[in-house]
Amino acid sequence: MAKSRRVTKKTRTSPRKSARVAKRGQAESRRTARKPASKATHTAKPVKAPIKPVQAAPPPAPPPPPPRKPTYHEAVAMYERGLQALQRRDFAAAAEALRTVIERYPDERELLERARLYLKVCERELEPKEPTPKTADEWVYAATVALNAGDEATAQRHLQRALTEDARHDHAHYMMAVVSVRRDDSAAALEHLRQAVSLNPENRSLARQDPDLDLLREEPAFRATLETPASEGAGARPAAPKFRPKSRR
């Protein structure tokens, strides 16, 4: 049997067809060139690792407090006893307990300052308080104390109160003369001195020797007051020298 022979026909390309194919290839090349590069072709930027902040070293732990002395609890107990007495207004007991804390436990500085503070409160409350004057004599005495302390204004107020209680209190008038001299009121001083001598002639001899009245000695009214006959005012009550003020000169 004879073998069949496959005949292969050669394909012939016309010039026109070749030109079209060439143009198509050129157009395809231009489209490819205009396309942007795919994301896959981009160069990846290096990723920076986050910078960790440098942490400062923790501060050193404070040293432990020194151990308490065995007497600490005793001092606290005594201090609290004083506060309890202070709350009860038992100032004498409170002051005693607080003084014990100060004297026996001088090393407990935390308690000493507070103990001294409360002790001052107790001592202030324990100070004797003078009663309020009620009679003319008591007001004159209070004026004398104020005058000896250099407080002429308070002394004058007390003497005015004394004269309100007893307008014929000769020593209140005499003291008012002294206060008026110290306050540079010569007219008031001479008037009160005249009334003091008129109510009690013994004030005349007292005025002659009193250095607190030296500023009045050149006044004619002062000399006239002291030269008054002794018989005037003979029925007056005697002076009370216990109220005599101290001279500042």
C-alpha atoms as a PDB file:
ATOM      1  CA  MET A   1       0.000   0.000   0.000  1.00  0.00           C
ATOM      2  CA  ALA A   2       1.473   3.358  -0.897  1.00  0.00           C
ATOM      3  CA  LYS A   3       2.205   5.925   1.793  1.00  0.00           C
ATOM      4  CA  SER A   4       0.319   9.196   1.494  1.00  0.00           C
ATOM      5  CA  ARG A   5       2.414  12.249   1.299  1.00  0.00           C
ATOM      6  CA  ARG A   6       1.328  15.330   3.262  1.00  0.00           C
ATOM      7  CA  VAL A   7       1.692  18.349   1.166  1.00  0.00           C
ATOM      8  CA  THR A   8       2.385  21.495   3.146  1.00  0.00           C
ATOM      9  CA  LYS A   9       1.409  24.624   1.419  1.00  0.00           C
ATOM     10  CA  LYS A  10       3.555  27.627   2.033  1.00  0.00           C
ATOM     11  CA  THR A  11       1.630  30.559   3.211  1.00  0.00           C
ATOM     12  CA  ARG A  12       2.333  33.587   1.281  1.00  0.00           C
ATOM     13  CA  THR A  13       1.956  36.995   2.938  1.00  0.00           C
ATOM     14  CA  SER A  14       1.070  39.915   0.868  1.00  0.00           C
ATOM     15  CA  PRO A  15       2.925  43.192   1.301  1.00  0.00           C
ATOM     16  CA  ARG A  16      -0.260  44.971   2.436  1.00  0.00           C
ATOM     17  CA  LYS A  17      -0.900  42.454   5.165  1.00  0.00           C
ATOM     18  CA  SER A  18       2.664  42.755   6.418  1.00  0.00           C
ATOM     19  CA  ALA A  19       2.365  46.506   6.624  1.00  0.00           C
ATOM     20  CA  ARG A  20      -0.833  46.216   8.661  1.00  0.00           C
ATOM     21  CA  VAL A  21       0.770  43.777  11.032  1.00  0.00           C
ATOM     22  CA  ALA A  22       3.783  46.074  11.508  1.00  0.00           C
ATOM     23  CA  LYS A  23       1.576  49.063  12.229  1.00  0.00           C
ATOM     24  CA  ARG A  24      -0.432  47.034  14.730  1.00  0.00           C
ATOM     25  CA  GLY A  25       2.746  46.060  16.535  1.00  0.00           C
ATOM     26  CA  GLN A  26       3.959  49.621  16.692  1.00  0.00           C
ATOM     27  CA  ALA A  27       0.637  50.822  18.121  1.00  0.00           C
ATOM     28  CA  GLU A  28       0.720  48.067  20.690  1.00  0.00           C
ATOM     29  CA  SER A  29       4.247  49.109  21.689  1.00  0.00           C
ATOM     30  CA  ARG A  30       3.185  52.735  22.124  1.00  0.00           C
ATOM     31  CA  ARG A  31       0.216  51.765  24.356  1.00  0.00           C
ATOM     32  CA  THR A  32       2.473  49.630  26.476  1.00  0.00           C
ATOM     33  CA  ALA A  33       4.966  52.504  26.909  1.00  0.00           C
ATOM     34  CA  ARG A  34       2.224  54.900  27.986  1.00  0.00           C
ATOM     35  CA  LYS A  35       0.904  52.609  30.729  1.00  0.00           C
ATOM     36  CA  PRO A  36       2.200  53.477  34.263  1.00  0.00           C
ATOM     37  CA  ALA A  37       4.381  50.989  35.917  1.00  0.00           C
ATOM     38  CA  SER A  38       2.449  48.581  38.066  1.00  0.00           C
ATOM     39  CA  LYS A  39       2.598  48.903  41.803  1.00  0.00           C
ATOM     40  CA  ALA A  40       4.486  45.682  41.918  1.00  0.00           C
ATOM     41  CA  THR A  41       7.352  47.291  39.981  1.00  0.00           C
ATOM     42  CA  HIS A  42       7.700  50.236  42.416  1.00  0.00           C
ATOM     43  CA  THR A  43      10.676  50.154  44.742  1.00  0.00           C
ATOM     44  CA  ALA A  44       9.458  49.606  48.261  1.00  0.00           C
ATOM     45  CA  LYS A  45      10.586  52.256  50.738  1.00  0.00           C
ATOM     46  CA  PRO A  46      12.411  50.981  53.776  1.00  0.00           C
ATOM     47  CA  VAL A  47      10.230  50.914  56.906  1.00  0.00           C
ATOM     48  CA  LYS A  48      11.819  52.601  59.915  1.00  0.00           C
ATOM     49  CA  ALA A  49      11.516  50.808  63.176  1.00  0.00           C
ATOM     50  CA  PRO A  50       9.835  52.934  65.965  1.00  0.00           C
ATOM     51  CA  ILE A  51      12.289  54.551  68.355  1.00  0.00           C
ATOM     52  CA  LYS A  52      11.617  53.517  71.901  1.00  0.00           C
ATOM     53  CA  PRO A  53      11.936  56.329  74.460  1.00  0.00           C
ATOM     54  CA  VAL A  54      14.751  55.967  76.874  1.00  0.00           C
ATOM     55  CA  GLN A  55      13.279  55.442  80.321  1.00  0.00           C
ATOM     56  CA  ALA A  56      14.985  57.195  83.207  1.00  0.00           C
ATOM     57  CA  ALA A  57      16.196  55.062  85.992  1.00  0.00           C
ATOM     58  CA  PRO A  58      13.737  55.012  88.927  1.00  0.00           C
ATOM     59  CA  PRO A  59      14.728  57.214  91.897  1.00  0.00           C
ATOM     60  CA  PRO A  60      16.347  55.436  94.767  1.00  0.00           C
ATOM     61  CA  ALA A  61      13.982  54.352  97.490  1.00  0.00           C
ATOM     62  CA  PRO A  62      13.977  56.643 100.557  1.00  0.00           C
ATOM     63  CA  PRO A  63      15.822  55.314 103.533  1.00  0.00           C
ATOM     64  CA  PRO A  64      13.622  53.641 106.114  1.00  0.00           C
ATOM     65  CA  PRO A  65      12.667  55.803 109.114  1.00  0.00           C
ATOM     66  CA  PRO A  66      14.811  55.358 112.164  1.00  0.00           C
ATOM     67  CA  PRO A  67      13.426  52.926 114.666  1.00  0.00           C
ATOM     68  CA  ARG A  68      11.280  54.401 117.385  1.00  0.00           C
ATOM     69  CA  LYS A  69      12.703  54.612 120.843  1.00  0.00           C
ATOM     70  CA  PRO A  70      10.983  52.610 123.542  1.00  0.00           C
ATOM     71  CA  THR A  71       9.933  55.875 125.204  1.00  0.00           C
ATOM     72  CA  TYR A  72       8.058  57.113 122.121  1.00  0.00           C
ATOM     73  CA  HIS A  73       4.800  55.380 123.015  1.00  0.00           C
ATOM     74  CA  GLU A  74       5.027  56.698 126.567  1.00  0.00           C
ATOM     75  CA  ALA A  75       5.461  60.250 125.251  1.00  0.00           C
ATOM     76  CA  VAL A  76       2.478  59.877 122.895  1.00  0.00           C
ATOM     77  CA  ALA A  77       0.297  58.546 125.700  1.00  0.00           C
ATOM     78  CA  MET A  78       1.223  61.478 127.958  1.00  0.00           C
ATOM     79  CA  TYR A  79       0.651  63.962 125.124  1.00  0.00           C
ATOM     80  CA  GLU A  80      -2.808  62.520 124.403  1.00  0.00           C
ATOM     81  CA  ARG A  81      -3.632  62.699 128.101  1.00  0.00           C
ATOM     82  CA  GLY A  82      -2.849  66.399 128.016  1.00  0.00           C
ATOM     83  CA  LEU A  83      -5.071  66.949 124.956  1.00  0.00           C
ATOM     84  CA  GLN A  84      -7.953  65.102 126.580  1.00  0.00           C
ATOM     85  CA  ALA A  85      -7.667  67.327 129.655  1.00  0.00           C
ATOM     86  CA  LEU A  86      -7.516  70.387 127.416  1.00  0.00           C
ATOM     87  CA  GLN A  87     -10.749  69.347 125.696  1.00  0.00           C
ATOM     88  CA  ARG A  88     -12.386  69.028 129.125  1.00  0.00           C
ATOM     89  CA  ARG A  89     -11.088  72.555 129.857  1.00  0.00           C
ATOM     90  CA  ASP A  90      -9.102  71.147 132.753  1.00  0.00           C
ATOM     91  CA  PHE A  91      -6.206  73.468 131.997  1.00  0.00           C
ATOM     92  CA  ALA A  92      -4.207  72.621 135.136  1.00  0.00           C
ATOM     93  CA  ALA A  93      -4.128  68.881 134.359  1.00  0.00           C
ATOM     94  CA  ALA A  94      -3.442  69.555 130.690  1.00  0.00           C
ATOM     95  CA  ALA A  95      -0.533  71.854 131.515  1.00  0.00           C
ATOM     96  CA  GLU A  96       0.959  69.273 133.880  1.00  0.00           C
ATOM     97  CA  ALA A  97       0.810  66.503 131.255  1.00  0.00           C
ATOM     98  CA  LEU A  98       2.261  68.702 128.530  1.00  0.00           C
ATOM     99  CA  ARG A  99       5.106  69.866 130.782  1.00  0.00           C
ATOM    100  CA  THR A 100       5.879  66.210 131.489  1.00  0.00           C
ATOM    101  CA  VAL A 101       6.196  65.543 127.754  1.00  0.00           C
ATOM    102  CA  ILE A 102       8.571  68.487 127.343  1.00  0.00           C
ATOM    103  CA  GLU A 103      10.724  67.648 130.352  1.00  0.00           C
ATOM    104  CA  ARG A 104      10.922  63.841 130.138  1.00  0.00           C
ATOM    105  CA  TYR A 105      11.021  63.293 126.388  1.00  0.00           C
ATOM    106  CA  PRO A 106      13.195  66.042 124.886  1.00  0.00           C
ATOM    107  CA  ASP A 107      14.232  63.787 121.975  1.00  0.00           C
ATOM    108  CA  GLU A 108      10.691  63.416 120.640  1.00  0.00           C
ATOM    109  CA  ARG A 109      10.810  66.535 118.501  1.00  0.00           C
ATOM    110  CA  GLU A 110       7.587  65.725 116.689  1.00  0.00           C
ATOM    111  CA  LEU A 111       5.656  66.092 119.935  1.00  0.00           C
ATOM    112  CA  LEU A 112       7.629  68.876 121.580  1.00  0.00           C
ATOM    113  CA  GLU A 113       6.535  71.670 119.249  1.00  0.00           C
ATOM    114  CA  ARG A 114       2.844  70.816 119.566  1.00  0.00           C
ATOM    115  CA  ALA A 115       3.164  70.281 123.318  1.00  0.00           C
ATOM    116  CA  ARG A 116       4.703  73.757 123.742  1.00  0.00           C
ATOM    117  CA  LEU A 117       1.934  75.309 121.643  1.00  0.00           C
ATOM    118  CA  TYR A 118      -0.870  73.790 123.714  1.00  0.00           C
ATOM    119  CA  LEU A 119       0.987  74.546 126.933  1.00  0.00           C
ATOM    120  CA  LYS A 120       0.891  78.255 126.075  1.00  0.00           C
ATOM    121  CA  VAL A 121      -2.866  77.991 125.652  1.00  0.00           C
ATOM    122  CA  CYS A 122      -3.190  76.398 129.079  1.00  0.00           C
ATOM    123  CA  GLU A 123      -0.963  78.969 130.754  1.00  0.00           C
ATOM    124  CA  ARG A 124      -2.925  81.815 129.185  1.00  0.00           C
ATOM    125  CA  GLU A 125      -6.175  80.359 130.491  1.00  0.00           C
ATOM    126  CA  LEU A 126      -4.681  79.828 133.952  1.00  0.00           C
ATOM    127  CA  GLU A 127      -3.523  83.431 134.338  1.00  0.00           C
ATOM    128  CA  PRO A 128      -5.480  85.245 137.053  1.00  0.00           C
ATOM    129  CA  LYS A 129      -8.008  87.612 135.579  1.00  0.00           C
ATOM    130  CA  GLU A 130      -8.831  90.795 137.443  1.00  0.00           C
ATOM    131  CA  PRO A 131     -12.540  91.238 138.076  1.00  0.00           C
ATOM    132  CA  THR A 132     -14.351  94.118 136.428  1.00  0.00           C
ATOM    133  CA  PRO A 133     -14.413  97.156 138.735  1.00  0.00           C
ATOM    134  CA  LYS A 134     -17.805  97.928 140.242  1.00  0.00           C
ATOM    135  CA  THR A 135     -17.286 100.760 142.710  1.00  0.00           C
ATOM    136  CA  ALA A 136     -15.667 104.173 142.300  1.00  0.00           C
ATOM    137  CA  ASP A 137     -12.692 103.072 144.407  1.00  0.00           C
ATOM    138  CA  GLU A 138     -12.175 100.015 142.195  1.00  0.00           C
ATOM    139  CA  TRP A 139     -12.307 102.155 139.055  1.00  0.00           C
ATOM    140  CA  VAL A 140      -9.730 104.535 140.540  1.00  0.00           C
ATOM    141  CA  TYR A 141      -7.478 101.594 141.384  1.00  0.00           C
ATOM    142  CA  ALA A 142      -7.811 100.251 137.835  1.00  0.00           C
ATOM    143  CA  ALA A 143      -6.930 103.725 136.523  1.00  0.00           C
ATOM    144  CA  THR A 144      -3.823 103.785 138.719  1.00  0.00           C
ATOM    145  CA  VAL A 145      -2.660 100.439 137.312  1.00  0.00           C
ATOM    146  CA  ALA A 146      -3.196 101.681 133.750  1.00  0.00           C
ATOM    147  CA  LEU A 147      -1.426 104.968 134.483  1.00  0.00           C
ATOM    148  CA  ASN A 148       1.595 103.192 135.975  1.00  0.00           C
ATOM    149  CA  ALA A 149       1.725 101.101 132.793  1.00  0.00           C
ATOM    150  CA  GLY A 150       1.822 104.291 130.706  1.00  0.00           C
ATOM    151  CA  ASP A 151      -1.701 103.861 129.292  1.00  0.00           C
ATOM    152  CA  GLU A 152      -3.126 107.345 129.905  1.00  0.00           C
ATOM    153  CA  ALA A 153      -6.149 106.817 127.626  1.00  0.00           C
ATOM    154  CA  THR A 154      -7.353 103.766 129.579  1.00  0.00           C
ATOM    155  CA  ALA A 155      -6.666 105.492 132.878  1.00  0.00           C
ATOM    156  CA  GLN A 156      -8.773 108.462 131.802  1.00  0.00           C
ATOM    157  CA  ARG A 157     -11.683 106.196 130.832  1.00  0.00           C
ATOM    158  CA  HIS A 158     -11.548 104.453 134.209  1.00  0.00           C
ATOM    159  CA  LEU A 159     -11.496 107.754 136.051  1.00  0.00           C
ATOM    160  CA  GLN A 160     -14.464 109.030 134.092  1.00  0.00           C
ATOM    161  CA  ARG A 161     -16.321 105.881 135.104  1.00  0.00           C
ATOM    162  CA  ALA A 162     -15.320 106.464 138.734  1.00  0.00           C
ATOM    163  CA  LEU A 163     -16.625 110.040 138.621  1.00  0.00           C
ATOM    164  CA  THR A 164     -19.838 108.768 137.088  1.00  0.00           C
ATOM    165  CA  GLU A 165     -20.253 106.487 140.094  1.00  0.00           C
ATOM    166  CA  ASP A 166     -19.233 109.212 142.571  1.00  0.00           C
ATOM    167  CA  ALA A 167     -18.852 112.785 141.337  1.00  0.00           C
ATOM    168  CA  ARG A 168     -17.383 113.857 144.725  1.00  0.00           C
ATOM    169  CA  HIS A 169     -14.577 111.297 144.756  1.00  0.00           C
ATOM    170  CA  ASP A 170     -11.653 113.608 145.529  1.00  0.00           C
ATOM    171  CA  HIS A 171      -8.936 111.151 144.591  1.00  0.00           C
ATOM    172  CA  ALA A 172     -10.590 110.465 141.237  1.00  0.00           C
ATOM    173  CA  HIS A 173     -10.396 114.224 140.583  1.00  0.00           C
ATOM    174  CA  TYR A 174      -6.762 114.335 141.696  1.00  0.00           C
ATOM    175  CA  MET A 175      -5.846 111.399 139.447  1.00  0.00           C
ATOM    176  CA  MET A 176      -7.720 113.029 136.582  1.00  0.00           C
ATOM    177  CA  ALA A 177      -5.529 116.126 137.089  1.00  0.00           C
ATOM    178  CA  VAL A 178      -2.392 113.969 136.788  1.00  0.00           C
ATOM    179  CA  VAL A 179      -3.703 112.251 133.633  1.00  0.00           C
ATOM    180  CA  SER A 180      -4.655 115.599 132.100  1.00  0.00           C
ATOM    181  CA  VAL A 181      -1.129 116.945 132.674  1.00  0.00           C
ATOM    182  CA  ARG A 182       0.362 113.924 130.940  1.00  0.00           C
ATOM    183  CA  ARG A 183      -2.003 114.479 128.029  1.00  0.00           C
ATOM    184  CA  ASP A 184      -1.037 118.205 127.806  1.00  0.00           C
ATOM    185  CA  ASP A 185      -4.451 119.469 128.899  1.00  0.00           C
ATOM    186  CA  SER A 186      -3.513 122.084 131.511  1.00  0.00           C
ATOM    187  CA  ALA A 187      -6.979 123.623 131.749  1.00  0.00           C
ATOM    188  CA  ALA A 188      -8.632 120.287 132.622  1.00  0.00           C
ATOM    189  CA  ALA A 189      -5.788 119.449 135.012  1.00  0.00           C
ATOM    190  CA  LEU A 190      -6.217 122.711 136.962  1.00  0.00           C
ATOM    191  CA  GLU A 191      -9.987 122.279 137.196  1.00  0.00           C
ATOM    192  CA  HIS A 192      -9.764 118.696 138.513  1.00  0.00           C
ATOM    193  CA  LEU A 193      -7.023 119.702 140.942  1.00  0.00           C
ATOM    194  CA  ARG A 194      -9.179 122.560 142.266  1.00  0.00           C
ATOM    195  CA  GLN A 195     -12.065 120.138 142.868  1.00  0.00           C
ATOM    196  CA  ALA A 196      -9.766 117.569 144.508  1.00  0.00           C
ATOM    197  CA  VAL A 197      -8.426 120.189 146.948  1.00  0.00           C
ATOM    198  CA  SER A 198     -11.903 121.575 147.568  1.00  0.00           C
ATOM    199  CA  LEU A 199     -13.250 118.111 148.452  1.00  0.00           C
ATOM    200  CA  ASN A 200     -10.222 117.143 150.543  1.00  0.00           C
ATOM    201  CA  PRO A 201      -7.663 119.790 151.651  1.00  0.00           C
ATOM    202  CA  GLU A 202      -5.074 117.080 152.239  1.00  0.00           C
ATOM    203  CA  ASN A 203      -4.645 116.915 148.458  1.00  0.00           C
ATOM    204  CA  ARG A 204      -3.060 120.393 148.669  1.00  0.00           C
ATOM    205  CA  SER A 205       0.058 119.112 150.443  1.00  0.00           C
ATOM    206  CA  LEU A 206       0.150 116.114 148.125  1.00  0.00           C
ATOM    207  CA  ALA A 207       0.108 118.401 145.092  1.00  0.00           C
ATOM    208  CA  ARG A 208       2.974 120.543 146.426  1.00  0.00           C
ATOM    209  CA  GLN A 209       5.319 117.516 146.358  1.00  0.00           C
ATOM    210  CA  ASP A 210       3.968 115.695 143.327  1.00  0.00           C
ATOM    211  CA  PRO A 211       6.467 115.742 140.395  1.00  0.00           C
ATOM    212  CA  ASP A 212       3.630 114.766 138.021  1.00  0.00           C
ATOM    213  CA  LEU A 213       2.233 118.278 138.478  1.00  0.00           C
ATOM    214  CA  ASP A 214       5.500 120.157 137.843  1.00  0.00           C
ATOM    215  CA  LEU A 215       4.226 121.489 134.515  1.00  0.00           C
ATOM    216  CA  LEU A 216       1.474 123.372 136.372  1.00  0.00           C
ATOM    217  CA  ARG A 217       3.617 125.077 138.996  1.00  0.00           C
ATOM    218  CA  GLU A 218       4.123 128.259 136.975  1.00  0.00           C
ATOM    219  CA  GLU A 219       0.383 128.643 136.439  1.00  0.00           C
ATOM    220  CA  PRO A 220      -1.254 131.337 138.611  1.00  0.00           C
ATOM    221  CA  ALA A 221      -4.314 129.106 139.063  1.00  0.00           C
ATOM    222  CA  PHE A 222      -2.100 126.349 140.455  1.00  0.00           C
ATOM    223  CA  ARG A 223      -0.563 128.669 143.071  1.00  0.00           C
ATOM    224  CA  ALA A 224      -3.986 130.051 143.933  1.00  0.00           C
ATOM    225  CA  THR A 225      -5.348 126.550 144.466  1.00  0.00           C
ATOM    226  CA  LEU A 226      -2.540 125.612 146.821  1.00  0.00           C
ATOM    227  CA  GLU A 227      -2.774 128.904 148.755  1.00  0.00           C
ATOM    228  CA  THR A 228      -6.444 128.415 149.595  1.00  0.00           C
ATOM    229  CA  PRO A 229      -7.031 128.502 153.372  1.00  0.00           C
ATOM    230  CA  ALA A 230      -6.973 125.055 154.931  1.00  0.00           C
ATOM    231  CA  SER A 231     -10.391 125.574 156.524  1.00  0.00           C
ATOM    232  CA  GLU A 232     -12.047 125.223 153.131  1.00  0.00           C
ATOM    233  CA  GLY A 233     -13.343 121.729 152.530  1.00  0.00           C
ATOM    234  CA  ALA A 234     -12.681 120.685 156.115  1.00  0.00           C
ATOM    235  CA  GLY A 235     -15.563 118.250 156.058  1.00  0.00           C
ATOM    236  CA  ALA A 236     -14.156 116.265 153.206  1.00  0.00           C
ATOM    237  CA  ARG A 237     -13.175 112.673 153.619  1.00  0.00           C
ATOM    238  CA  PRO A 238      -9.463 111.829 153.961  1.00  0.00           C
ATOM    239  CA  ALA A 239      -7.409 111.063 150.897  1.00  0.00           C
ATOM    240  CA  ALA A 240      -6.680 107.521 149.875  1.00  0.00           C
ATOM    241  CA  PRO A 241      -2.900 107.422 149.419  1.00  0.00           C
ATOM    242  CA  LYS A 242      -2.947 103.760 148.415  1.00  0.00           C
ATOM    243  CA  PHE A 243      -4.014 104.895 144.905  1.00  0.00           C
ATOM    244  CA  ARG A 244      -1.012 107.176 144.565  1.00  0.00           C
ATOM    245  CA  PRO A 245       0.470 106.684 141.036  1.00  0.00           C
ATOM    246  CA  LYS A 246       4.144 106.164 140.353  1.00  0.00           C
ATOM    247  CA  SER A 247       5.924 109.096 138.818  1.00  0.00           C
ATOM    248  CA  ARG A 248       7.533 108.561 135.436  1.00  0.00           C
ATOM    249  CA  ARG A 249      10.046 111.317 135.950  1.00  0.00           C
END
